[in-house]
Amino acid sequence: MFKNAQLESVKAWLNDPANGALPLHVRIQRGIRQLILDGALGVNKPLPATRPLALSLGVSRDTVESAYSQLHAEGFIERRVGSGSFVSERTRQLPPRKRQRSGASVAQAELSQRGAAIFREGGVQNFQYPHPFAPGLAETRNFPLPIWDRLERQVIKEHGTRALLHSAPQGMEVLRSSIADYLNLERGARASTDRVLILTSSQQALSLCSTVLMDSGERVLVEDPMYHGAKKAIGAAGLECIPVPVDGDGMQVPAMAALAGDARALFLTPSHQFPTGTTLSLDRRLAAIEWAASNGRGSSRTTMTASSTMKAAPPPASRGWMPTTGPSTSAPSPNPCFPACGSATWFCRRNWSAR
């Protein structure tokens, strides 16, 4: 039988509220496993028979038998017919473990330079909590769930198990084609199916832009104020954000050269600036396009509000005014339906996407 301290240790695992979601046999199995890992049960140490242990723990014999079977499958114990269960010889190869004293500090993992930048920027915490005036949250209480459910069943009926398989890396072709048609018709862009990428969020789109088009340490012109998620994504890539003030006509594009003449990219929200809601004036929009064509390696423009929430039609996409070889990327409307939908569209120039 276990010593009193060992039995109490297993009981502690069994009765700990933190383990309440685990089945009884898993709690017992982990309690005994911890005794083996800590060295309290040495190699070839006999384990109690299932019946008396079950009686001591106040559980059924089948529960203890299940715990022993799992320990045996993991290689922690050996079961010998007619002799009982013993701590396996294989545990001799386990490295010695030092017990953590209560209150002792835990060594922090050493982060890479990029990991340290993410940590400094606040990590990947989501600020979009459901509280009054929280930005970026859609009104979901009136969402037409019956229609959504019917459309889901329609897709499953049409595609069957093919809908559960991996799609093309760029996203489903039929979806990319529909998005390209929308961008051309409603936003005046020059999009084609092969130039559209379906991503999980605007954050992923910005991270992809930052790491693929830029090198660590380079400078990016951004709006001030700006979307905090974009700032985190750009900073996590090791890039330096240079804030450019925003007024009633949007970003003050003429001031960009004086603030950072060596900047290689530009991030702005021309159609519906976040968080002020202003629209970039025509002269500044043209100036930004000219800057991107002559100075920038990449220009990222994102529409932070879905078109369906605007009182009037959104302005045409700037991409439609740019040369086909211009350094342009765009991630419109990250939350077209609801946040859990988790989708964003990245529209890239042709000669870049073909590489």
Protein backbone atom coordinates (compact mmCIF):
# COMPACT_ATOMS: atom_id res chain seq x y z
CA MET A 1 0.00 0.00 0.00
CA PHE A 2 1.07 3.61 -0.49
CA LYS A 3 2.63 5.44 2.39
CA ASN A 4 0.30 7.91 4.01
CA ALA A 5 1.96 10.92 2.34
CA GLN A 6 1.78 9.28 -1.08
CA LEU A 7 -1.87 8.36 -0.61
CA GLU A 8 -2.68 11.90 0.46
CA SER A 9 -0.92 13.20 -2.65
CA VAL A 10 -3.16 11.08 -4.89
CA LYS A 11 -6.21 12.19 -2.90
CA ALA A 12 -5.18 15.80 -3.42
CA TRP A 13 -5.23 15.26 -7.20
CA LEU A 14 -8.57 13.51 -6.86
CA ASN A 15 -10.23 16.23 -4.81
CA ASP A 16 -8.60 19.35 -6.28
CA PRO A 17 -11.38 21.62 -7.68
CA ALA A 18 -9.04 22.62 -10.51
CA ASN A 19 -9.22 19.04 -11.79
CA GLY A 20 -13.01 18.86 -11.49
CA ALA A 21 -13.51 18.66 -15.27
CA LEU A 22 -11.30 15.54 -15.53
CA PRO A 23 -12.70 12.01 -15.16
CA LEU A 24 -11.88 10.26 -11.87
CA HIS A 25 -9.52 7.72 -13.42
CA VAL A 26 -7.53 10.51 -15.13
CA ARG A 27 -7.06 12.34 -11.82
CA ILE A 28 -5.82 9.15 -10.14
CA GLN A 29 -3.56 8.34 -13.07
CA ARG A 30 -2.00 11.81 -13.03
CA GLY A 31 -1.54 11.73 -9.26
CA ILE A 32 0.39 8.45 -9.42
CA ARG A 33 2.33 9.62 -12.45
CA GLN A 34 3.40 12.73 -10.55
CA LEU A 35 4.70 10.55 -7.70
CA ILE A 36 6.81 8.61 -10.23
CA LEU A 37 8.11 11.76 -11.92
CA ASP A 38 9.03 13.29 -8.55
CA GLY A 39 10.94 10.16 -7.56
CA ALA A 40 8.61 9.33 -4.66
CA LEU A 41 7.95 5.96 -6.32
CA GLY A 42 11.24 4.42 -7.46
CA VAL A 43 11.93 1.84 -10.13
CA ASN A 44 10.34 -1.58 -9.40
CA LYS A 45 8.36 -0.10 -6.52
CA PRO A 46 5.13 -2.13 -6.15
CA LEU A 47 1.83 -0.31 -6.52
CA PRO A 48 -1.17 -1.13 -4.33
CA ALA A 49 -3.67 -3.65 -5.62
CA THR A 50 -6.66 -2.07 -7.31
CA ARG A 51 -9.23 -3.21 -4.71
CA PRO A 52 -7.62 -1.74 -1.53
CA LEU A 53 -6.59 1.46 -3.38
CA ALA A 54 -10.14 1.93 -4.63
CA LEU A 55 -11.41 1.46 -1.08
CA SER A 56 -8.94 4.04 0.27
CA LEU A 57 -9.83 6.58 -2.39
CA GLY A 58 -13.57 5.98 -2.21
CA VAL A 59 -13.95 5.06 -5.89
CA SER A 60 -14.84 1.92 -7.80
CA ARG A 61 -12.27 -0.74 -8.63
CA ASP A 62 -12.91 -0.19 -12.35
CA THR A 63 -11.85 3.45 -11.93
CA VAL A 64 -8.48 2.45 -10.46
CA GLU A 65 -8.10 -0.27 -13.11
CA SER A 66 -8.58 2.36 -15.83
CA ALA A 67 -5.93 4.59 -14.21
CA TYR A 68 -3.45 1.69 -14.05
CA SER A 69 -4.18 0.73 -17.67
CA GLN A 70 -3.37 4.28 -18.79
CA LEU A 71 -0.13 4.33 -16.78
CA HIS A 72 0.82 1.00 -18.35
CA ALA A 73 0.06 2.31 -21.86
CA GLU A 74 2.28 5.35 -21.19
CA GLY A 75 5.13 3.13 -20.00
CA PHE A 76 5.20 4.29 -16.38
CA ILE A 77 4.28 0.93 -14.83
CA GLU A 78 4.58 -2.77 -15.65
CA ARG A 79 1.81 -5.25 -14.96
CA ARG A 80 2.95 -8.76 -14.11
CA VAL A 81 0.44 -11.57 -14.04
CA GLY A 82 0.16 -13.03 -10.53
CA SER A 83 2.52 -10.42 -9.04
CA GLY A 84 0.80 -7.04 -9.45
CA SER A 85 1.85 -3.66 -10.82
CA PHE A 86 5.32 -2.12 -10.47
CA VAL A 87 7.04 1.09 -11.49
CA SER A 88 8.60 0.42 -14.90
CA GLU A 89 12.34 0.09 -15.54
CA ARG A 90 11.89 2.68 -18.25
CA THR A 91 11.41 5.39 -15.64
CA ARG A 92 15.07 4.99 -14.75
CA GLN A 93 15.82 7.02 -17.89
CA LEU A 94 13.75 9.97 -16.69
CA PRO A 95 15.87 13.01 -15.83
CA PRO A 96 15.88 13.93 -12.13
CA ARG A 97 13.30 16.57 -11.29
CA LYS A 98 13.80 19.24 -8.68
CA ARG A 99 10.75 20.09 -6.68
CA GLN A 100 9.67 23.71 -7.05
CA ARG A 101 9.62 25.40 -3.67
CA SER A 102 6.56 27.44 -2.86
CA GLY A 103 7.07 31.07 -3.82
CA ALA A 104 10.16 30.36 -5.94
CA SER A 105 10.40 32.42 -9.11
CA VAL A 106 9.94 30.67 -12.43
CA ALA A 107 12.61 31.34 -15.06
CA GLN A 108 11.26 33.37 -17.96
CA ALA A 109 11.69 32.03 -21.48
CA GLU A 110 14.27 33.91 -23.55
CA LEU A 111 12.47 35.62 -26.41
CA SER A 112 13.75 36.39 -29.88
CA GLN A 113 13.98 40.00 -30.99
CA ARG A 114 10.61 39.65 -32.74
CA GLY A 115 9.10 37.96 -29.68
CA ALA A 116 10.39 40.78 -27.47
CA ALA A 117 8.82 43.33 -29.83
CA ILE A 118 5.48 41.54 -29.62
CA PHE A 119 5.73 41.47 -25.82
CA ARG A 120 6.54 45.19 -25.65
CA GLU A 121 3.53 45.99 -27.85
CA GLY A 122 1.20 44.10 -25.50
CA GLY A 123 1.21 40.68 -27.17
CA VAL A 124 -1.88 39.40 -28.91
CA GLN A 125 -4.42 40.51 -26.34
CA ASN A 126 -7.80 41.27 -27.81
CA PHE A 127 -9.11 44.69 -26.80
CA GLN A 128 -12.49 44.12 -28.42
CA TYR A 129 -14.33 43.10 -25.29
CA PRO A 130 -18.15 43.33 -25.38
CA HIS A 131 -18.56 46.51 -23.36
CA PRO A 132 -20.21 49.82 -24.25
CA PHE A 133 -18.51 51.81 -27.02
CA ALA A 134 -15.99 49.04 -27.72
CA PRO A 135 -14.62 49.54 -31.26
CA GLY A 136 -14.79 46.93 -33.98
CA LEU A 137 -17.76 44.98 -32.60
CA ALA A 138 -20.67 44.23 -34.89
CA GLU A 139 -24.31 44.24 -33.79
CA THR A 140 -24.96 40.50 -33.58
CA ARG A 141 -28.21 40.47 -31.62
CA ASN A 142 -30.26 41.06 -34.78
CA PHE A 143 -28.16 38.85 -37.05
CA PRO A 144 -30.41 36.64 -39.27
CA LEU A 145 -29.31 33.30 -37.84
CA PRO A 146 -32.09 31.27 -39.58
CA ILE A 147 -30.95 32.56 -42.98
CA TRP A 148 -27.31 31.88 -42.10
CA ASP A 149 -28.20 28.33 -41.01
CA ARG A 150 -30.15 27.72 -44.24
CA LEU A 151 -27.22 28.93 -46.35
CA GLU A 152 -24.82 26.71 -44.40
CA ARG A 153 -27.00 23.66 -45.05
CA GLN A 154 -27.23 24.65 -48.71
CA VAL A 155 -23.43 24.73 -49.02
CA ILE A 156 -23.06 21.34 -47.30
CA LYS A 157 -25.72 19.86 -49.56
CA GLU A 158 -24.00 21.24 -52.66
CA HIS A 159 -20.39 20.44 -51.78
CA GLY A 160 -20.76 17.53 -49.34
CA THR A 161 -17.57 16.37 -47.66
CA ARG A 162 -15.50 18.42 -50.14
CA ALA A 163 -16.36 21.46 -48.01
CA LEU A 164 -14.34 19.90 -45.15
CA LEU A 165 -11.13 19.51 -47.19
CA HIS A 166 -8.28 21.98 -47.54
CA SER A 167 -8.95 24.68 -50.09
CA ALA A 168 -6.40 26.40 -52.29
CA PRO A 169 -3.73 28.36 -50.35
CA GLN A 170 -5.15 31.63 -51.70
CA GLY A 171 -8.70 30.64 -50.66
CA MET A 172 -11.61 29.04 -52.49
CA GLU A 173 -11.61 30.13 -56.12
CA VAL A 174 -15.37 30.74 -56.24
CA LEU A 175 -15.09 33.07 -53.22
CA ARG A 176 -12.10 34.93 -54.65
CA SER A 177 -13.93 35.33 -57.95
CA SER A 178 -16.99 36.79 -56.22
CA ILE A 179 -14.83 39.21 -54.23
CA ALA A 180 -12.98 40.33 -57.37
CA ASP A 181 -16.30 40.96 -59.12
CA TYR A 182 -17.51 43.01 -56.13
CA LEU A 183 -14.31 45.09 -55.99
CA ASN A 184 -14.52 45.83 -59.71
CA LEU A 185 -18.24 46.66 -59.74
CA GLU A 186 -18.70 48.47 -56.42
CA ARG A 187 -15.25 49.89 -55.68
CA GLY A 188 -13.81 50.54 -59.14
CA ALA A 189 -10.77 48.33 -58.59
CA ARG A 190 -8.96 46.30 -61.24
CA ALA A 191 -9.09 42.93 -59.53
CA SER A 192 -8.87 39.41 -60.87
CA THR A 193 -9.30 36.08 -59.11
CA ASP A 194 -5.57 35.30 -59.09
CA ARG A 195 -4.83 38.61 -57.31
CA VAL A 196 -7.10 37.99 -54.30
CA LEU A 197 -6.00 36.24 -51.10
CA ILE A 198 -8.45 35.10 -48.41
CA LEU A 199 -6.92 35.49 -44.95
CA THR A 200 -8.19 35.08 -41.39
CA SER A 201 -8.11 38.76 -40.42
CA SER A 202 -6.74 42.19 -41.24
CA GLN A 203 -4.05 41.47 -38.63
CA GLN A 204 -2.80 38.51 -40.67
CA ALA A 205 -2.88 40.58 -43.85
CA LEU A 206 -0.81 43.34 -42.23
CA SER A 207 1.63 40.81 -40.73
CA LEU A 208 2.06 39.24 -44.15
CA CYS A 209 2.67 42.64 -45.76
CA SER A 210 5.13 43.62 -43.05
CA THR A 211 7.23 40.45 -43.18
CA VAL A 212 7.16 39.84 -46.93
CA LEU A 213 7.55 43.39 -48.26
CA MET A 214 9.67 44.95 -45.50
CA ASP A 215 12.87 44.26 -43.57
CA SER A 216 13.22 44.61 -39.81
CA GLY A 217 14.16 48.13 -38.76
CA GLU A 218 12.59 49.90 -41.74
CA ARG A 219 10.12 52.73 -41.19
CA VAL A 220 6.42 52.84 -42.02
CA LEU A 221 4.26 55.97 -42.20
CA VAL A 222 1.02 55.44 -40.26
CA GLU A 223 -2.00 57.50 -39.28
CA ASP A 224 -2.20 59.21 -35.90
CA PRO A 225 -4.52 58.10 -34.37
CA MET A 226 -4.71 54.63 -35.90
CA TYR A 227 -6.13 51.14 -35.44
CA HIS A 228 -4.27 49.56 -32.50
CA GLY A 229 -4.27 46.12 -34.15
CA ALA A 230 -2.43 47.46 -37.18
CA LYS A 231 0.18 49.10 -34.98
CA LYS A 232 0.78 45.83 -33.15
CA ALA A 233 1.11 43.86 -36.39
CA ILE A 234 3.58 46.35 -37.85
CA GLY A 235 5.59 46.60 -34.64
CA ALA A 236 5.72 42.81 -34.24
CA ALA A 237 7.49 42.60 -37.60
CA GLY A 238 10.28 44.81 -36.23
CA LEU A 239 9.21 47.90 -38.17
CA GLU A 240 9.16 51.45 -36.82
CA CYS A 241 5.85 53.31 -37.01
CA ILE A 242 6.14 57.01 -37.90
CA PRO A 243 2.87 58.76 -36.94
CA VAL A 244 1.37 61.27 -39.38
CA PRO A 245 -1.39 63.53 -37.97
CA VAL A 246 -4.98 63.15 -39.18
CA ASP A 247 -7.34 66.11 -39.64
CA GLY A 248 -10.76 66.62 -41.20
CA ASP A 249 -9.42 65.64 -44.65
CA GLY A 250 -7.67 62.48 -43.46
CA MET A 251 -3.94 61.85 -43.15
CA GLN A 252 -1.79 64.95 -43.72
CA VAL A 253 0.00 63.47 -46.72
CA PRO A 254 2.05 66.62 -47.52
CA ALA A 255 3.76 66.30 -44.13
CA MET A 256 5.05 62.78 -44.77
CA ALA A 257 8.33 63.75 -46.42
CA ALA A 258 9.35 66.01 -43.52
CA LEU A 259 8.49 63.38 -40.88
CA ALA A 260 10.31 60.46 -42.47
CA GLY A 261 11.95 60.89 -45.84
CA ASP A 262 13.39 57.36 -45.69
CA ALA A 263 10.07 55.58 -45.02
CA ARG A 264 9.45 52.65 -47.34
CA ALA A 265 5.75 51.96 -46.76
CA LEU A 266 2.50 53.69 -45.95
CA PHE A 267 -0.52 52.51 -43.95
CA LEU A 268 -3.77 54.46 -44.11
CA THR A 269 -7.54 53.99 -44.12
CA PRO A 270 -8.67 56.40 -46.86
CA SER A 271 -12.35 55.51 -47.25
CA HIS A 272 -13.30 55.48 -43.58
CA GLN A 273 -10.43 56.43 -41.27
CA PHE A 274 -10.26 54.57 -37.99
CA PRO A 275 -11.11 55.85 -35.43
CA THR A 276 -12.10 59.36 -36.63
CA GLY A 277 -14.31 58.23 -39.55
CA THR A 278 -12.96 60.87 -41.98
CA THR A 279 -12.50 60.26 -45.71
CA LEU A 280 -9.16 61.06 -47.33
CA SER A 281 -9.59 64.03 -49.65
CA LEU A 282 -9.01 63.58 -53.39
CA ASP A 283 -5.83 65.69 -53.55
CA ARG A 284 -4.28 63.82 -50.62
CA ARG A 285 -5.33 60.47 -52.03
CA LEU A 286 -3.60 61.28 -55.33
CA ALA A 287 -0.53 62.53 -53.45
CA ALA A 288 -0.40 59.27 -51.45
CA ILE A 289 -0.62 57.25 -54.66
CA GLU A 290 2.20 59.30 -56.19
CA TRP A 291 4.33 58.80 -53.06
CA ALA A 292 3.75 55.03 -53.11
CA ALA A 293 4.65 54.80 -56.79
CA SER A 294 7.91 56.77 -56.43
CA ASN A 295 9.15 56.12 -52.88
CA GLY A 296 7.37 53.18 -51.32
CA ARG A 297 7.92 49.46 -51.41
CA GLY A 298 4.36 48.86 -50.29
CA SER A 299 1.20 50.76 -49.57
CA SER A 300 -1.38 49.14 -47.34
CA ARG A 301 -4.88 50.58 -47.24
CA THR A 302 -7.67 49.01 -45.29
CA THR A 303 -11.35 49.84 -44.91
CA MET A 304 -12.18 49.28 -41.24
CA THR A 305 -15.96 49.46 -41.69
CA ALA A 306 -18.09 47.18 -43.82
CA SER A 307 -19.80 48.85 -46.77
CA SER A 308 -23.21 47.74 -45.50
CA THR A 309 -22.86 49.99 -42.44
CA MET A 310 -22.21 53.19 -44.38
CA LYS A 311 -25.03 55.63 -45.09
CA ALA A 312 -23.68 56.30 -48.58
CA ALA A 313 -21.69 54.22 -51.03
CA PRO A 314 -17.98 54.07 -50.08
CA PRO A 315 -15.53 56.02 -52.22
CA PRO A 316 -13.86 54.15 -55.10
CA ALA A 317 -10.83 52.07 -54.19
CA SER A 318 -7.57 53.92 -54.70
CA ARG A 319 -6.15 50.76 -56.25
CA GLY A 320 -8.21 51.39 -59.37
CA TRP A 321 -6.28 54.62 -60.00
CA MET A 322 -2.81 53.12 -59.64
CA PRO A 323 -0.55 51.69 -62.36
CA THR A 324 -0.75 47.90 -62.66
CA THR A 325 2.90 47.62 -61.57
CA GLY A 326 2.56 49.93 -58.58
CA PRO A 327 3.55 48.70 -55.11
CA SER A 328 0.09 48.23 -53.67
CA THR A 329 -1.68 45.94 -51.23
CA SER A 330 -5.14 46.32 -49.81
CA ALA A 331 -7.15 44.58 -47.05
CA PRO A 332 -10.75 45.77 -47.17
CA SER A 333 -13.51 45.14 -44.65
CA PRO A 334 -12.11 42.71 -42.03
CA ASN A 335 -15.49 42.16 -40.30
CA PRO A 336 -18.11 42.03 -43.07
CA CYS A 337 -20.58 39.87 -41.09
CA PHE A 338 -19.47 39.34 -37.49
CA PRO A 339 -16.11 39.05 -35.66
CA ALA A 340 -16.18 35.24 -35.40
CA CYS A 341 -16.38 35.04 -39.19
CA GLY A 342 -12.65 35.84 -39.14
CA SER A 343 -11.98 36.81 -42.74
CA ALA A 344 -10.12 39.50 -44.64
CA THR A 345 -9.28 40.00 -48.29
CA TRP A 346 -5.84 40.92 -49.51
CA PHE A 347 -5.70 42.39 -53.01
CA CYS A 348 -2.13 42.44 -54.36
CA ARG A 349 -0.55 43.67 -57.56
CA ARG A 350 -0.23 41.20 -60.41
CA ASN A 351 3.55 41.06 -60.85
CA TRP A 352 4.07 40.44 -57.12
CA SER A 353 1.43 37.72 -56.73
CA ALA A 354 2.86 35.82 -59.69
CA ARG A 355 6.19 35.27 -57.94
